[in-house]
C-alpha atoms as a PDB file:
ATOM      1  CA  MET A   1       0.000   0.000   0.000  1.00  0.00           C
ATOM      2  CA  ASN A   2       1.509   3.315  -1.031  1.00  0.00           C
ATOM      3  CA  ASP A   3       1.660   6.237   1.372  1.00  0.00           C
ATOM      4  CA  PRO A   4      -1.506   8.218   0.717  1.00  0.00           C
ATOM      5  CA  GLY A   5      -1.545  11.941   0.796  1.00  0.00           C
ATOM      6  CA  ALA A   6       1.570  12.930  -1.094  1.00  0.00           C
ATOM      7  CA  GLY A   7      -0.418  14.823  -3.733  1.00  0.00           C
ATOM      8  CA  GLU A   8      -1.859  18.277  -3.983  1.00  0.00           C
ATOM      9  CA  PRO A   9      -5.220  19.218  -2.470  1.00  0.00           C
ATOM     10  CA  ALA A  10      -8.163  18.849  -4.804  1.00  0.00           C
ATOM     11  CA  GLY A  11     -11.129  19.613  -2.540  1.00  0.00           C
ATOM     12  CA  GLU A  12     -14.705  18.769  -3.368  1.00  0.00           C
ATOM     13  CA  ALA A  13     -15.503  21.697  -5.629  1.00  0.00           C
ATOM     14  CA  GLY A  14     -16.116  21.279  -9.337  1.00  0.00           C
ATOM     15  CA  PRO A  15     -13.684  22.297 -12.038  1.00  0.00           C
ATOM     16  CA  GLY A  16     -12.532  25.865 -12.294  1.00  0.00           C
ATOM     17  CA  PRO A  17      -9.843  28.154 -10.969  1.00  0.00           C
ATOM     18  CA  VAL A  18      -9.042  27.708  -7.300  1.00  0.00           C
ATOM     19  CA  ASP A  19      -7.602  30.554  -5.325  1.00  0.00           C
ATOM     20  CA  ASP A  20      -3.993  29.950  -4.215  1.00  0.00           C
ATOM     21  CA  GLU A  21      -4.931  30.756  -0.620  1.00  0.00           C
ATOM     22  CA  VAL A  22      -7.613  28.066  -0.644  1.00  0.00           C
ATOM     23  CA  ILE A  23      -5.098  25.516  -1.972  1.00  0.00           C
ATOM     24  CA  GLU A  24      -2.623  26.555   0.717  1.00  0.00           C
ATOM     25  CA  LEU A  25      -5.280  26.230   3.431  1.00  0.00           C
ATOM     26  CA  ALA A  26      -6.336  22.802   2.175  1.00  0.00           C
ATOM     27  CA  GLY A  27      -2.701  21.698   2.220  1.00  0.00           C
ATOM     28  CA  ARG A  28      -2.394  22.800   5.852  1.00  0.00           C
ATOM     29  CA  ILE A  29      -5.561  20.896   6.747  1.00  0.00           C
ATOM     30  CA  PHE A  30      -4.238  17.725   5.099  1.00  0.00           C
ATOM     31  CA  ASP A  31      -1.015  18.206   7.086  1.00  0.00           C
ATOM     32  CA  LEU A  32      -3.069  18.396  10.291  1.00  0.00           C
ATOM     33  CA  ALA A  33      -4.636  15.037   9.430  1.00  0.00           C
ATOM     34  CA  ARG A  34      -1.213  13.486   8.764  1.00  0.00           C
ATOM     35  CA  ALA A  35       0.083  14.902  12.060  1.00  0.00           C
ATOM     36  CA  GLY A  36      -3.026  13.816  13.981  1.00  0.00           C
ATOM     37  CA  ASP A  37      -3.976  17.259  15.295  1.00  0.00           C
ATOM     38  CA  ALA A  38      -7.509  16.260  16.281  1.00  0.00           C
ATOM     39  CA  GLU A  39      -8.352  19.533  18.012  1.00  0.00           C
ATOM     40  CA  ARG A  40      -7.453  21.781  15.090  1.00  0.00           C
ATOM     41  CA  LEU A  41      -9.038  19.416  12.546  1.00  0.00           C
ATOM     42  CA  ALA A  42     -12.254  19.476  14.564  1.00  0.00           C
ATOM     43  CA  ALA A  43     -12.164  23.281  14.670  1.00  0.00           C
ATOM     44  CA  TYR A  44     -11.777  23.505  10.887  1.00  0.00           C
ATOM     45  CA  LEU A  45     -14.625  21.052  10.293  1.00  0.00           C
ATOM     46  CA  ASP A  46     -16.801  22.857  12.821  1.00  0.00           C
ATOM     47  CA  ALA A  47     -16.083  26.059  10.859  1.00  0.00           C
ATOM     48  CA  GLY A  48     -17.290  24.497   7.603  1.00  0.00           C
ATOM     49  CA  VAL A  49     -14.460  22.510   6.007  1.00  0.00           C
ATOM     50  CA  PRO A  50     -16.044  19.441   4.363  1.00  0.00           C
ATOM     51  CA  ALA A  51     -15.545  16.269   6.416  1.00  0.00           C
ATOM     52  CA  ASN A  52     -14.751  14.362   3.207  1.00  0.00           C
ATOM     53  CA  LEU A  53     -12.275  16.868   1.761  1.00  0.00           C
ATOM     54  CA  THR A  54     -10.033  14.984  -0.672  1.00  0.00           C
ATOM     55  CA  ASN A  55      -6.698  15.611  -2.315  1.00  0.00           C
ATOM     56  CA  ASP A  56      -5.818  14.947  -5.946  1.00  0.00           C
ATOM     57  CA  LYS A  57      -5.290  11.238  -5.199  1.00  0.00           C
ATOM     58  CA  GLY A  58      -8.693  10.835  -3.598  1.00  0.00           C
ATOM     59  CA  ASP A  59      -7.307  10.602  -0.068  1.00  0.00           C
ATOM     60  CA  THR A  60      -9.655  12.013   2.538  1.00  0.00           C
ATOM     61  CA  LEU A  61      -8.689  13.543   5.850  1.00  0.00           C
ATOM     62  CA  VAL A  62      -9.775  10.352   7.608  1.00  0.00           C
ATOM     63  CA  MET A  63      -7.614   8.276   5.222  1.00  0.00           C
ATOM     64  CA  LEU A  64      -4.552  10.349   6.083  1.00  0.00           C
ATOM     65  CA  ALA A  65      -5.217  10.316   9.819  1.00  0.00           C
ATOM     66  CA  ALA A  66      -5.890   6.560   9.754  1.00  0.00           C
ATOM     67  CA  TYR A  67      -2.841   5.680   7.678  1.00  0.00           C
ATOM     68  CA  HIS A  68      -0.595   7.693   9.985  1.00  0.00           C
ATOM     69  CA  GLY A  69      -2.040   6.063  13.122  1.00  0.00           C
ATOM     70  CA  HIS A  70      -3.922   8.951  14.720  1.00  0.00           C
ATOM     71  CA  THR A  71      -6.899   7.439  16.535  1.00  0.00           C
ATOM     72  CA  ALA A  72      -8.120  10.688  18.152  1.00  0.00           C
ATOM     73  CA  ALA A  73      -8.063  12.493  14.798  1.00  0.00           C
ATOM     74  CA  VAL A  74      -9.976   9.641  13.153  1.00  0.00           C
ATOM     75  CA  GLU A  75     -12.577   9.766  15.923  1.00  0.00           C
ATOM     76  CA  ALA A  76     -12.920  13.560  15.617  1.00  0.00           C
ATOM     77  CA  LEU A  77     -13.374  13.325  11.846  1.00  0.00           C
ATOM     78  CA  LEU A  78     -15.910  10.491  12.084  1.00  0.00           C
ATOM     79  CA  ALA A  79     -17.868  12.414  14.730  1.00  0.00           C
ATOM     80  CA  ARG A  80     -18.162  15.251  12.205  1.00  0.00           C
ATOM     81  CA  GLY A  81     -19.460  13.133   9.358  1.00  0.00           C
ATOM     82  CA  ALA A  82     -16.359  11.786   7.620  1.00  0.00           C
ATOM     83  CA  ASP A  83     -17.124   8.670   5.584  1.00  0.00           C
ATOM     84  CA  PRO A  84     -15.160   5.734   7.070  1.00  0.00           C
ATOM     85  CA  ASP A  85     -15.492   3.754   3.836  1.00  0.00           C
ATOM     86  CA  ARG A  86     -14.531   6.381   1.262  1.00  0.00           C
ATOM     87  CA  ALA A  87     -11.875   4.813  -0.956  1.00  0.00           C
ATOM     88  CA  ASN A  88      -9.099   6.776  -2.613  1.00  0.00           C
ATOM     89  CA  ASP A  89      -8.360   6.665  -6.335  1.00  0.00           C
ATOM     90  CA  ARG A  90      -6.545   3.322  -5.901  1.00  0.00           C
ATOM     91  CA  GLY A  91      -9.553   1.740  -4.200  1.00  0.00           C
ATOM     92  CA  GLN A  92      -7.885   1.765  -0.762  1.00  0.00           C
ATOM     93  CA  THR A  93     -10.032   2.428   2.301  1.00  0.00           C
ATOM     94  CA  PRO A  94      -8.971   3.964   5.615  1.00  0.00           C
ATOM     95  CA  LEU A  95      -9.632   0.632   7.341  1.00  0.00           C
ATOM     96  CA  ALA A  96      -7.407  -1.342   4.968  1.00  0.00           C
ATOM     97  CA  GLY A  97      -4.687   1.293   5.433  1.00  0.00           C
ATOM     98  CA  ALA A  98      -4.906   1.005   9.220  1.00  0.00           C
ATOM     99  CA  VAL A  99      -4.699  -2.797   8.994  1.00  0.00           C
ATOM    100  CA  PHE A 100      -1.688  -2.540   6.682  1.00  0.00           C
ATOM    101  CA  LYS A 101       0.080  -0.152   9.063  1.00  0.00           C
ATOM    102  CA  GLY A 102      -0.777  -2.226  12.154  1.00  0.00           C
ATOM    103  CA  GLU A 103      -2.793   0.572  13.765  1.00  0.00           C
ATOM    104  CA  ASP A 104      -5.210  -1.462  15.895  1.00  0.00           C
ATOM    105  CA  GLY A 105      -6.579   1.585  17.757  1.00  0.00           C
ATOM    106  CA  VAL A 106      -7.469   3.206  14.449  1.00  0.00           C
ATOM    107  CA  VAL A 107      -9.030  -0.065  13.265  1.00  0.00           C
ATOM    108  CA  ARG A 108     -11.281  -0.119  16.341  1.00  0.00           C
ATOM    109  CA  ALA A 109     -12.216   3.557  15.875  1.00  0.00           C
ATOM    110  CA  LEU A 110     -13.108   3.010  12.213  1.00  0.00           C
ATOM    111  CA  LEU A 111     -15.180  -0.075  13.027  1.00  0.00           C
ATOM    112  CA  ALA A 112     -16.994   1.868  15.764  1.00  0.00           C
ATOM    113  CA  GLY A 113     -17.615   4.568  13.145  1.00  0.00           C
ATOM    114  CA  GLY A 114     -19.278   2.075  10.808  1.00  0.00           C
ATOM    115  CA  ALA A 115     -16.418   1.051   8.490  1.00  0.00           C
ATOM    116  CA  ASP A 116     -17.063  -2.063   6.413  1.00  0.00           C
ATOM    117  CA  PRO A 117     -14.035  -4.410   6.395  1.00  0.00           C
ATOM    118  CA  SER A 118     -15.155  -6.046   3.138  1.00  0.00           C
ATOM    119  CA  LEU A 119     -14.813  -2.865   1.041  1.00  0.00           C
ATOM    120  CA  GLY A 120     -11.802  -1.691  -0.943  1.00  0.00           C
ATOM    121  CA  THR A 121      -9.035  -3.183  -3.041  1.00  0.00           C
ATOM    122  CA  PRO A 122      -7.603  -4.943  -1.202  1.00  0.00           C
ATOM    123  CA  SER A 123     -10.217  -4.943   1.529  1.00  0.00           C
ATOM    124  CA  ALA A 124      -9.317  -4.805   5.209  1.00  0.00           C
ATOM    125  CA  VAL A 125     -10.224  -8.497   5.418  1.00  0.00           C
ATOM    126  CA  ASP A 126      -7.894  -9.331   2.518  1.00  0.00           C
ATOM    127  CA  THR A 127      -5.129  -7.230   4.070  1.00  0.00           C
ATOM    128  CA  ALA A 128      -5.546  -8.947   7.451  1.00  0.00           C
ATOM    129  CA  ARG A 129      -5.374 -12.341   5.728  1.00  0.00           C
ATOM    130  CA  MET A 130      -2.267 -11.283   3.787  1.00  0.00           C
ATOM    131  CA  PHE A 131      -0.465 -10.472   7.031  1.00  0.00           C
ATOM    132  CA  ALA A 132      -1.996 -13.325   9.092  1.00  0.00           C
ATOM    133  CA  LYS A 133      -3.635 -10.901  11.538  1.00  0.00           C
ATOM    134  CA  THR A 134      -5.998 -13.447  13.071  1.00  0.00           C
ATOM    135  CA  GLU A 135      -7.229 -11.154  15.861  1.00  0.00           C
ATOM    136  CA  LEU A 136      -8.363  -8.594  13.293  1.00  0.00           C
ATOM    137  CA  LEU A 137      -9.995 -11.301  11.191  1.00  0.00           C
ATOM    138  CA  LYS A 138     -11.970 -12.332  14.293  1.00  0.00           C
ATOM    139  CA  MET A 139     -12.892  -8.681  14.901  1.00  0.00           C
ATOM    140  CA  PHE A 140     -14.134  -8.487  11.284  1.00  0.00           C
ATOM    141  CA  GLY A 141     -16.114 -11.717  11.647  1.00  0.00           C
ATOM    142  CA  ALA A 142     -13.994 -13.322   8.935  1.00  0.00           C
ATOM    143  CA  ALA A 143     -11.981 -15.841  10.945  1.00  0.00           C
END
């Protein structure tokens, strides 16, 4: 699984010119997700930033927080409406990324937030099987 989030912010707006300041702000928000700054992420979402903001690779804030092992940030994003199952452009889900990275706390947070372990390519179930993570397979009901 490649490290998500290395691309430029894309946002959720349609095509058209995007102000440089907006791109810069989006980049800072993606950096907050990577760094796991749950409090500041929550403040931005509470102020109107879309919970499912995506970059040019389709990575959402919750994908970046999950992949980098930030349980509190994942929980804050999910509490504000982030989709736990939203796949990036490669078909990877936050849950599969957390399984791949061995982030069991993030896995539990995503499951509590409604993530489906059967979604994605590879799915979280497939990833757990690949790495013989039997405890996670039991948690997913796939053991």
